[in-house]
């Protein structure tokens, strides 16, 4: 099976590399061409456009940062849709809004192709280790066809039905993650300002009902005085919070806490922290 992969950022590059290591023939494209270099050295073929990546593939995957970025590689004479024809598949693994996913499905179906949305839960390390959680929705036939590739990128894969469901599930997941991370930052800030050792708070949290991998992964970074190298850029978390609030508005569900968390992330963005890890929101919380 020939695969394409469009979008070679922090996540996409690691995911595409796992497909190459698994023995798939992979054609890659990225707006910044040099990012394709390590993948080409590992055996991938570089495409000149997203269309060319789709034309060379039975199934083309995409991993983009925003709805605008999805549309920029999807549409137009050099876009993914232009490279699709009957029998091909388009799997978009970006975290976006349901409306953009449904439009991708419609455009794919007009070309006789199949569409699957498959956003992931996890950041740089799970992408490298192929332990992502993948939430898929859309054409069930394409889900079955793409499963051998998805299994090389993730350790838990769910099929959630019609297009839009996976996007909504991912936004709900990231809403919780952003809220938990913000609560951790505030707790550590309070402990520190009260004269307590924040590392001891992390011990307390890790010994009880609130123990979780994210607190163990991010706690030391927040409590320490080092930098915030991006595993999941803060600007992307703010985008996900914004999309969650947009979805809540559409369905009439109040999100009181998330609205406040979003404002904190917007403040961190205004302070130039967008390319830092999302744990850098702690800088906007500390007085």
C-alpha atoms as a PDB file:
ATOM      1  CA  UNK A   1       0.000   0.000   0.000  1.00  0.00           C
ATOM      2  CA  UNK A   2       1.387   3.391  -1.031  1.00  0.00           C
ATOM      3  CA  UNK A   3       0.874   6.138   1.519  1.00  0.00           C
ATOM      4  CA  UNK A   4       1.212   9.904   1.385  1.00  0.00           C
ATOM      5  CA  UNK A   5       1.857  12.207   4.313  1.00  0.00           C
ATOM      6  CA  UNK A   6       1.306  15.955   4.144  1.00  0.00           C
ATOM      7  CA  UNK A   7       2.484  18.117   7.057  1.00  0.00           C
ATOM      8  CA  UNK A   8       5.771  17.291   8.767  1.00  0.00           C
ATOM      9  CA  UNK A   9       5.709  19.320  11.954  1.00  0.00           C
ATOM     10  CA  UNK A  10       6.407  18.037  15.461  1.00  0.00           C
ATOM     11  CA  UNK A  11       3.719  15.376  15.174  1.00  0.00           C
ATOM     12  CA  UNK A  12       3.582  14.647  11.463  1.00  0.00           C
ATOM     13  CA  UNK A  13       7.296  14.017  11.048  1.00  0.00           C
ATOM     14  CA  UNK A  14       7.300  11.418  13.834  1.00  0.00           C
ATOM     15  CA  UNK A  15       4.123   9.745  12.570  1.00  0.00           C
ATOM     16  CA  UNK A  16       5.397   9.564   8.985  1.00  0.00           C
ATOM     17  CA  UNK A  17       8.705   8.136  10.204  1.00  0.00           C
ATOM     18  CA  UNK A  18       6.856   5.321  11.953  1.00  0.00           C
ATOM     19  CA  UNK A  19       5.082   4.469   8.709  1.00  0.00           C
ATOM     20  CA  UNK A  20       8.434   4.327   6.897  1.00  0.00           C
ATOM     21  CA  UNK A  21       9.927   2.122   9.626  1.00  0.00           C
ATOM     22  CA  UNK A  22       6.929  -0.194   9.278  1.00  0.00           C
ATOM     23  CA  UNK A  23       7.831  -0.795   5.638  1.00  0.00           C
ATOM     24  CA  UNK A  24       5.215   1.315   3.854  1.00  0.00           C
ATOM     25  CA  UNK A  25       6.179   3.214   0.738  1.00  0.00           C
ATOM     26  CA  UNK A  26       5.617   6.816   1.826  1.00  0.00           C
ATOM     27  CA  UNK A  27       5.508  10.012  -0.239  1.00  0.00           C
ATOM     28  CA  UNK A  28       5.844  13.172   1.858  1.00  0.00           C
ATOM     29  CA  UNK A  29       5.287  16.890   1.427  1.00  0.00           C
ATOM     30  CA  UNK A  30       5.874  19.861   3.690  1.00  0.00           C
ATOM     31  CA  UNK A  31       5.740  23.577   3.050  1.00  0.00           C
ATOM     32  CA  UNK A  32       9.265  23.910   4.483  1.00  0.00           C
ATOM     33  CA  UNK A  33      11.095  21.450   2.275  1.00  0.00           C
ATOM     34  CA  UNK A  34      14.065  20.800   4.561  1.00  0.00           C
ATOM     35  CA  UNK A  35      11.779  19.155   7.127  1.00  0.00           C
ATOM     36  CA  UNK A  36      11.311  16.300   4.657  1.00  0.00           C
ATOM     37  CA  UNK A  37      15.066  15.625   4.629  1.00  0.00           C
ATOM     38  CA  UNK A  38      15.294  13.067   7.466  1.00  0.00           C
ATOM     39  CA  UNK A  39      12.276  11.198   6.086  1.00  0.00           C
ATOM     40  CA  UNK A  40      13.746  11.068   2.588  1.00  0.00           C
ATOM     41  CA  UNK A  41      17.001   9.759   4.076  1.00  0.00           C
ATOM     42  CA  UNK A  42      14.933   7.044   5.790  1.00  0.00           C
ATOM     43  CA  UNK A  43      13.361   5.996   2.497  1.00  0.00           C
ATOM     44  CA  UNK A  44      10.473   8.367   1.754  1.00  0.00           C
ATOM     45  CA  UNK A  45       9.941  10.107  -1.568  1.00  0.00           C
ATOM     46  CA  UNK A  46       9.486  13.881  -1.533  1.00  0.00           C
ATOM     47  CA  UNK A  47       6.536  15.276  -3.489  1.00  0.00           C
ATOM     48  CA  UNK A  48       6.503  18.713  -5.081  1.00  0.00           C
ATOM     49  CA  UNK A  49       2.923  19.506  -3.983  1.00  0.00           C
ATOM     50  CA  UNK A  50       0.173  18.054  -1.765  1.00  0.00           C
ATOM     51  CA  UNK A  51      -1.561  17.039  -5.006  1.00  0.00           C
ATOM     52  CA  UNK A  52       1.483  15.051  -6.074  1.00  0.00           C
ATOM     53  CA  UNK A  53       1.559  13.299  -2.695  1.00  0.00           C
ATOM     54  CA  UNK A  54      -2.096  12.308  -3.122  1.00  0.00           C
ATOM     55  CA  UNK A  55      -1.590  11.185  -6.719  1.00  0.00           C
ATOM     56  CA  UNK A  56       1.259   8.878  -5.659  1.00  0.00           C
ATOM     57  CA  UNK A  57      -0.730   7.299  -2.827  1.00  0.00           C
ATOM     58  CA  UNK A  58      -3.567   4.882  -2.199  1.00  0.00           C
ATOM     59  CA  UNK A  59      -4.226   6.764   1.042  1.00  0.00           C
ATOM     60  CA  UNK A  60      -2.912  10.233   1.831  1.00  0.00           C
ATOM     61  CA  UNK A  61      -2.634  11.393   5.444  1.00  0.00           C
ATOM     62  CA  UNK A  62      -2.450  15.020   6.536  1.00  0.00           C
ATOM     63  CA  UNK A  63      -1.435  16.544   9.852  1.00  0.00           C
ATOM     64  CA  UNK A  64      -1.892  20.310   9.912  1.00  0.00           C
ATOM     65  CA  UNK A  65      -2.036  22.847  12.726  1.00  0.00           C
ATOM     66  CA  UNK A  66      -5.216  24.842  12.000  1.00  0.00           C
ATOM     67  CA  UNK A  67      -8.353  24.806   9.843  1.00  0.00           C
ATOM     68  CA  UNK A  68      -6.728  27.438   7.617  1.00  0.00           C
ATOM     69  CA  UNK A  69      -3.663  25.220   7.158  1.00  0.00           C
ATOM     70  CA  UNK A  70      -5.902  22.255   6.302  1.00  0.00           C
ATOM     71  CA  UNK A  71      -7.631  24.261   3.592  1.00  0.00           C
ATOM     72  CA  UNK A  72      -4.318  25.546   2.246  1.00  0.00           C
ATOM     73  CA  UNK A  73      -3.094  22.004   1.481  1.00  0.00           C
ATOM     74  CA  UNK A  74      -6.526  20.599   0.622  1.00  0.00           C
ATOM     75  CA  UNK A  75      -7.854  23.103  -1.914  1.00  0.00           C
ATOM     76  CA  UNK A  76      -6.698  24.538  -5.223  1.00  0.00           C
ATOM     77  CA  UNK A  77      -4.989  23.087  -8.270  1.00  0.00           C
ATOM     78  CA  UNK A  78      -2.058  21.794  -6.182  1.00  0.00           C
ATOM     79  CA  UNK A  79      -4.142  20.595  -3.217  1.00  0.00           C
ATOM     80  CA  UNK A  80      -4.875  17.107  -1.940  1.00  0.00           C
ATOM     81  CA  UNK A  81      -8.394  17.030  -3.377  1.00  0.00           C
ATOM     82  CA  UNK A  82      -7.031  17.674  -6.886  1.00  0.00           C
ATOM     83  CA  UNK A  83      -4.874  14.557  -6.518  1.00  0.00           C
ATOM     84  CA  UNK A  84      -7.714  12.251  -5.492  1.00  0.00           C
ATOM     85  CA  UNK A  85      -9.678   9.963  -7.751  1.00  0.00           C
ATOM     86  CA  UNK A  86     -12.016   7.010  -7.380  1.00  0.00           C
ATOM     87  CA  UNK A  87     -10.877   4.507  -4.797  1.00  0.00           C
ATOM     88  CA  UNK A  88      -8.316   6.692  -3.078  1.00  0.00           C
ATOM     89  CA  UNK A  89      -8.531   7.723   0.558  1.00  0.00           C
ATOM     90  CA  UNK A  90      -7.883  10.992   2.403  1.00  0.00           C
ATOM     91  CA  UNK A  91      -7.244  10.796   6.158  1.00  0.00           C
ATOM     92  CA  UNK A  92      -7.010  14.142   7.949  1.00  0.00           C
ATOM     93  CA  UNK A  93      -5.390  13.788  11.380  1.00  0.00           C
ATOM     94  CA  UNK A  94      -5.480  17.504  12.182  1.00  0.00           C
ATOM     95  CA  UNK A  95      -7.316  18.957  15.182  1.00  0.00           C
ATOM     96  CA  UNK A  96      -9.851  21.283  13.582  1.00  0.00           C
ATOM     97  CA  UNK A  97     -13.583  22.063  13.603  1.00  0.00           C
ATOM     98  CA  UNK A  98     -16.285  19.658  12.468  1.00  0.00           C
ATOM     99  CA  UNK A  99     -17.360  21.987   9.660  1.00  0.00           C
ATOM    100  CA  UNK A 100     -13.944  21.854   8.005  1.00  0.00           C
ATOM    101  CA  UNK A 101     -13.891  18.056   8.309  1.00  0.00           C
ATOM    102  CA  UNK A 102     -17.332  17.740   6.760  1.00  0.00           C
ATOM    103  CA  UNK A 103     -16.260  19.956   3.876  1.00  0.00           C
ATOM    104  CA  UNK A 104     -13.224  17.718   3.339  1.00  0.00           C
ATOM    105  CA  UNK A 105     -15.524  14.698   3.269  1.00  0.00           C
ATOM    106  CA  UNK A 106     -17.843  16.346   0.736  1.00  0.00           C
ATOM    107  CA  UNK A 107     -14.984  17.338  -1.554  1.00  0.00           C
ATOM    108  CA  UNK A 108     -13.457  13.855  -1.342  1.00  0.00           C
ATOM    109  CA  UNK A 109     -16.751  12.177  -2.168  1.00  0.00           C
ATOM    110  CA  UNK A 110     -17.192  14.429  -5.187  1.00  0.00           C
ATOM    111  CA  UNK A 111     -13.947  12.953  -6.545  1.00  0.00           C
ATOM    112  CA  UNK A 112     -15.126   9.411  -5.835  1.00  0.00           C
ATOM    113  CA  UNK A 113     -12.676   9.105  -2.941  1.00  0.00           C
ATOM    114  CA  UNK A 114     -13.245   8.203   0.708  1.00  0.00           C
ATOM    115  CA  UNK A 115     -12.596  10.420   3.724  1.00  0.00           C
ATOM    116  CA  UNK A 116     -11.679   9.803   7.342  1.00  0.00           C
ATOM    117  CA  UNK A 117     -10.967  12.309  10.098  1.00  0.00           C
ATOM    118  CA  UNK A 118      -8.527  10.914  12.642  1.00  0.00           C
ATOM    119  CA  UNK A 119      -7.256  13.476  15.184  1.00  0.00           C
ATOM    120  CA  UNK A 120      -4.899  12.198  17.831  1.00  0.00           C
ATOM    121  CA  UNK A 121      -4.389  12.576  21.571  1.00  0.00           C
ATOM    122  CA  UNK A 122      -0.735  12.786  22.518  1.00  0.00           C
ATOM    123  CA  UNK A 123       2.262  15.002  21.877  1.00  0.00           C
ATOM    124  CA  UNK A 124       5.837  14.605  20.610  1.00  0.00           C
ATOM    125  CA  UNK A 125       6.915  11.552  22.645  1.00  0.00           C
ATOM    126  CA  UNK A 126       3.776   9.458  22.032  1.00  0.00           C
ATOM    127  CA  UNK A 127       4.032  10.347  18.332  1.00  0.00           C
ATOM    128  CA  UNK A 128       7.629   9.127  18.285  1.00  0.00           C
ATOM    129  CA  UNK A 129       6.757   5.992  20.261  1.00  0.00           C
ATOM    130  CA  UNK A 130       3.609   5.239  18.198  1.00  0.00           C
ATOM    131  CA  UNK A 131       1.477   5.306  21.353  1.00  0.00           C
ATOM    132  CA  UNK A 132      -1.000   7.977  20.263  1.00  0.00           C
ATOM    133  CA  UNK A 133      -4.726   7.630  20.819  1.00  0.00           C
ATOM    134  CA  UNK A 134      -6.422   7.990  17.442  1.00  0.00           C
ATOM    135  CA  UNK A 135     -10.069   9.030  17.196  1.00  0.00           C
ATOM    136  CA  UNK A 136     -11.444   8.204  13.748  1.00  0.00           C
ATOM    137  CA  UNK A 137     -14.758   8.991  12.080  1.00  0.00           C
ATOM    138  CA  UNK A 138     -16.086   9.038   8.543  1.00  0.00           C
ATOM    139  CA  UNK A 139     -16.127   6.349   5.870  1.00  0.00           C
ATOM    140  CA  UNK A 140     -15.922   2.979   7.599  1.00  0.00           C
ATOM    141  CA  UNK A 141     -14.429   1.302   4.510  1.00  0.00           C
ATOM    142  CA  UNK A 142     -11.494   3.720   4.616  1.00  0.00           C
ATOM    143  CA  UNK A 143     -11.138   3.143   8.344  1.00  0.00           C
ATOM    144  CA  UNK A 144     -10.678  -0.574   7.712  1.00  0.00           C
ATOM    145  CA  UNK A 145      -8.249   0.052   4.841  1.00  0.00           C
ATOM    146  CA  UNK A 146      -6.174   2.544   6.806  1.00  0.00           C
ATOM    147  CA  UNK A 147      -6.131   0.542  10.044  1.00  0.00           C
ATOM    148  CA  UNK A 148      -2.791  -1.205   9.309  1.00  0.00           C
ATOM    149  CA  UNK A 149      -1.185   2.235   8.976  1.00  0.00           C
ATOM    150  CA  UNK A 150      -3.042   3.758  11.933  1.00  0.00           C
ATOM    151  CA  UNK A 151      -1.830   0.875  14.105  1.00  0.00           C
ATOM    152  CA  UNK A 152       1.756   1.906  13.336  1.00  0.00           C
ATOM    153  CA  UNK A 153       1.073   5.396  14.667  1.00  0.00           C
ATOM    154  CA  UNK A 154      -1.140   4.761  17.683  1.00  0.00           C
ATOM    155  CA  UNK A 155      -1.738   2.208  20.428  1.00  0.00           C
ATOM    156  CA  UNK A 156      -5.446   2.928  20.953  1.00  0.00           C
ATOM    157  CA  UNK A 157      -7.740   3.514  17.995  1.00  0.00           C
ATOM    158  CA  UNK A 158     -11.458   4.243  18.185  1.00  0.00           C
ATOM    159  CA  UNK A 159     -13.996   4.499  15.369  1.00  0.00           C
ATOM    160  CA  UNK A 160     -16.671   7.021  16.349  1.00  0.00           C
ATOM    161  CA  UNK A 161     -19.117   6.961  13.443  1.00  0.00           C
ATOM    162  CA  UNK A 162     -19.920   9.836  11.130  1.00  0.00           C
ATOM    163  CA  UNK A 163     -17.580  12.654  10.143  1.00  0.00           C
ATOM    164  CA  UNK A 164     -17.439  15.330  12.831  1.00  0.00           C
ATOM    165  CA  UNK A 165     -17.652  12.996  15.803  1.00  0.00           C
ATOM    166  CA  UNK A 166     -13.892  12.492  16.077  1.00  0.00           C
ATOM    167  CA  UNK A 167     -13.239  16.221  15.857  1.00  0.00           C
ATOM    168  CA  UNK A 168     -15.759  16.903  18.615  1.00  0.00           C
ATOM    169  CA  UNK A 169     -14.244  14.162  20.772  1.00  0.00           C
ATOM    170  CA  UNK A 170     -10.744  15.591  20.333  1.00  0.00           C
ATOM    171  CA  UNK A 171     -11.899  19.074  21.325  1.00  0.00           C
ATOM    172  CA  UNK A 172     -13.589  17.696  24.448  1.00  0.00           C
ATOM    173  CA  UNK A 173     -10.371  15.854  25.302  1.00  0.00           C
ATOM    174  CA  UNK A 174      -8.185  18.929  24.889  1.00  0.00           C
ATOM    175  CA  UNK A 175     -10.626  21.100  26.831  1.00  0.00           C
ATOM    176  CA  UNK A 176     -10.086  18.811  29.828  1.00  0.00           C
ATOM    177  CA  UNK A 177      -6.326  18.739  29.282  1.00  0.00           C
ATOM    178  CA  UNK A 178      -6.070  22.526  29.160  1.00  0.00           C
ATOM    179  CA  UNK A 179      -8.136  22.883  32.321  1.00  0.00           C
ATOM    180  CA  UNK A 180      -6.118  20.291  34.218  1.00  0.00           C
ATOM    181  CA  UNK A 181      -2.830  21.869  33.188  1.00  0.00           C
ATOM    182  CA  UNK A 182      -4.023  25.312  34.263  1.00  0.00           C
ATOM    183  CA  UNK A 183      -5.155  23.986  37.657  1.00  0.00           C
ATOM    184  CA  UNK A 184      -1.736  22.384  38.123  1.00  0.00           C
ATOM    185  CA  UNK A 185      -0.012  25.687  37.299  1.00  0.00           C
ATOM    186  CA  UNK A 186      -2.180  27.572  39.789  1.00  0.00           C
ATOM    187  CA  UNK A 187      -1.633  24.978  42.513  1.00  0.00           C
ATOM    188  CA  UNK A 188       2.133  25.091  42.062  1.00  0.00           C
ATOM    189  CA  UNK A 189       2.096  28.893  42.010  1.00  0.00           C
ATOM    190  CA  UNK A 190       0.070  29.005  45.225  1.00  0.00           C
ATOM    191  CA  UNK A 191       2.366  26.510  46.927  1.00  0.00           C
ATOM    192  CA  UNK A 192       5.451  28.466  45.922  1.00  0.00           C
ATOM    193  CA  UNK A 193       4.055  31.847  46.988  1.00  0.00           C
ATOM    194  CA  UNK A 194       2.978  30.315  50.316  1.00  0.00           C
ATOM    195  CA  UNK A 195       6.539  29.286  51.070  1.00  0.00           C
ATOM    196  CA  UNK A 196       6.044  25.609  50.233  1.00  0.00           C
ATOM    197  CA  UNK A 197       8.226  23.413  48.039  1.00  0.00           C
ATOM    198  CA  UNK A 198       6.289  22.929  44.779  1.00  0.00           C
ATOM    199  CA  UNK A 199       8.096  19.648  44.177  1.00  0.00           C
ATOM    200  CA  UNK A 200       6.549  18.320  47.368  1.00  0.00           C
ATOM    201  CA  UNK A 201       3.116  19.309  46.068  1.00  0.00           C
ATOM    202  CA  UNK A 202       3.866  17.194  43.015  1.00  0.00           C
ATOM    203  CA  UNK A 203       4.629  14.281  45.356  1.00  0.00           C
ATOM    204  CA  UNK A 204       1.323  14.773  47.126  1.00  0.00           C
ATOM    205  CA  UNK A 205      -0.605  14.912  43.840  1.00  0.00           C
ATOM    206  CA  UNK A 206       1.168  11.824  42.534  1.00  0.00           C
ATOM    207  CA  UNK A 207       0.284   9.793  45.616  1.00  0.00           C
ATOM    208  CA  UNK A 208      -3.474  10.256  45.506  1.00  0.00           C
ATOM    209  CA  UNK A 209      -6.532  10.273  43.307  1.00  0.00           C
ATOM    210  CA  UNK A 210      -5.179  13.076  41.094  1.00  0.00           C
ATOM    211  CA  UNK A 211      -2.122  11.188  39.911  1.00  0.00           C
ATOM    212  CA  UNK A 212      -1.824  11.229  36.120  1.00  0.00           C
ATOM    213  CA  UNK A 213       0.867  11.086  33.424  1.00  0.00           C
ATOM    214  CA  UNK A 214       0.473  14.738  32.409  1.00  0.00           C
ATOM    215  CA  UNK A 215       1.172  16.049  35.904  1.00  0.00           C
ATOM    216  CA  UNK A 216       4.260  13.837  36.111  1.00  0.00           C
ATOM    217  CA  UNK A 217       5.411  14.958  32.669  1.00  0.00           C
ATOM    218  CA  UNK A 218       4.764  18.701  33.034  1.00  0.00           C
ATOM    219  CA  UNK A 219       5.026  19.262  36.790  1.00  0.00           C
ATOM    220  CA  UNK A 220       8.789  19.462  37.032  1.00  0.00           C
ATOM    221  CA  UNK A 221       8.928  21.783  34.032  1.00  0.00           C
ATOM    222  CA  UNK A 222       6.431  24.159  35.644  1.00  0.00           C
ATOM    223  CA  UNK A 223       8.012  24.010  39.093  1.00  0.00           C
ATOM    224  CA  UNK A 224      11.539  24.455  37.737  1.00  0.00           C
ATOM    225  CA  UNK A 225      13.283  27.483  36.341  1.00  0.00           C
ATOM    226  CA  UNK A 226      14.199  26.007  32.956  1.00  0.00           C
ATOM    227  CA  UNK A 227      12.612  26.598  29.597  1.00  0.00           C
ATOM    228  CA  UNK A 228       9.534  25.122  27.963  1.00  0.00           C
ATOM    229  CA  UNK A 229      10.659  23.174  24.862  1.00  0.00           C
ATOM    230  CA  UNK A 230       7.549  22.481  22.837  1.00  0.00           C
ATOM    231  CA  UNK A 231       6.071  19.004  22.816  1.00  0.00           C
ATOM    232  CA  UNK A 232       2.651  20.603  22.266  1.00  0.00           C
ATOM    233  CA  UNK A 233       2.936  24.312  21.373  1.00  0.00           C
ATOM    234  CA  UNK A 234       0.891  26.699  23.476  1.00  0.00           C
ATOM    235  CA  UNK A 235      -0.571  28.377  20.377  1.00  0.00           C
ATOM    236  CA  UNK A 236      -2.127  25.061  19.353  1.00  0.00           C
ATOM    237  CA  UNK A 237      -3.729  24.535  22.756  1.00  0.00           C
ATOM    238  CA  UNK A 238      -5.248  28.009  22.565  1.00  0.00           C
ATOM    239  CA  UNK A 239      -6.568  27.183  19.105  1.00  0.00           C
ATOM    240  CA  UNK A 240      -8.183  24.016  20.479  1.00  0.00           C
ATOM    241  CA  UNK A 241      -9.754  25.923  23.376  1.00  0.00           C
ATOM    242  CA  UNK A 242     -11.109  28.493  20.937  1.00  0.00           C
ATOM    243  CA  UNK A 243     -12.601  25.741  18.764  1.00  0.00           C
ATOM    244  CA  UNK A 244     -14.093  24.093  21.873  1.00  0.00           C
ATOM    245  CA  UNK A 245     -15.815  27.341  22.806  1.00  0.00           C
ATOM    246  CA  UNK A 246     -17.020  27.712  19.222  1.00  0.00           C
ATOM    247  CA  UNK A 247     -18.516  24.209  19.352  1.00  0.00           C
ATOM    248  CA  UNK A 248     -20.108  24.964  22.729  1.00  0.00           C
ATOM    249  CA  UNK A 249     -21.717  28.053  21.247  1.00  0.00           C
ATOM    250  CA  UNK A 250     -23.132  25.982  18.397  1.00  0.00           C
ATOM    251  CA  UNK A 251     -24.695  23.369  20.683  1.00  0.00           C
ATOM    252  CA  UNK A 252     -25.710  25.743  23.499  1.00  0.00           C
ATOM    253  CA  UNK A 253     -23.462  24.289  26.192  1.00  0.00           C
ATOM    254  CA  UNK A 254     -21.958  26.765  28.692  1.00  0.00           C
ATOM    255  CA  UNK A 255     -18.236  26.265  29.349  1.00  0.00           C
ATOM    256  CA  UNK A 256     -17.557  28.559  32.285  1.00  0.00           C
ATOM    257  CA  UNK A 257     -14.154  27.229  33.320  1.00  0.00           C
ATOM    258  CA  UNK A 258     -12.923  26.759  29.763  1.00  0.00           C
ATOM    259  CA  UNK A 259     -13.700  30.375  28.906  1.00  0.00           C
ATOM    260  CA  UNK A 260     -11.428  31.492  31.750  1.00  0.00           C
ATOM    261  CA  UNK A 261      -8.710  29.005  30.819  1.00  0.00           C
ATOM    262  CA  UNK A 262      -8.833  30.311  27.262  1.00  0.00           C
ATOM    263  CA  UNK A 263      -8.268  33.864  28.491  1.00  0.00           C
ATOM    264  CA  UNK A 264      -5.166  32.710  30.362  1.00  0.00           C
ATOM    265  CA  UNK A 265      -3.810  31.076  27.220  1.00  0.00           C
ATOM    266  CA  UNK A 266      -4.583  34.225  25.222  1.00  0.00           C
ATOM    267  CA  UNK A 267      -2.600  36.213  27.791  1.00  0.00           C
ATOM    268  CA  UNK A 268       0.311  33.803  27.406  1.00  0.00           C
ATOM    269  CA  UNK A 269       0.101  34.220  23.628  1.00  0.00           C
ATOM    270  CA  UNK A 270       0.242  37.996  24.014  1.00  0.00           C
ATOM    271  CA  UNK A 271       3.420  37.548  26.059  1.00  0.00           C
ATOM    272  CA  UNK A 272       5.136  35.784  23.144  1.00  0.00           C
ATOM    273  CA  UNK A 273       4.840  32.225  24.481  1.00  0.00           C
ATOM    274  CA  UNK A 274       2.970  30.719  21.531  1.00  0.00           C
ATOM    275  CA  UNK A 275       5.840  28.541  20.308  1.00  0.00           C
ATOM    276  CA  UNK A 276       6.708  27.309  23.818  1.00  0.00           C
ATOM    277  CA  UNK A 277       5.157  24.200  25.300  1.00  0.00           C
ATOM    278  CA  UNK A 278       1.620  24.760  26.531  1.00  0.00           C
ATOM    279  CA  UNK A 279       2.902  24.359  30.094  1.00  0.00           C
ATOM    280  CA  UNK A 280       4.375  27.855  29.632  1.00  0.00           C
ATOM    281  CA  UNK A 281       0.911  29.183  30.490  1.00  0.00           C
ATOM    282  CA  UNK A 282       2.315  29.031  34.027  1.00  0.00           C
ATOM    283  CA  UNK A 283       4.222  32.228  33.197  1.00  0.00           C
ATOM    284  CA  UNK A 284       0.916  34.031  32.657  1.00  0.00           C
ATOM    285  CA  UNK A 285      -0.359  32.718  36.000  1.00  0.00           C
ATOM    286  CA  UNK A 286       2.580  33.529  38.248  1.00  0.00           C
ATOM    287  CA  UNK A 287       2.431  37.061  39.598  1.00  0.00           C
END
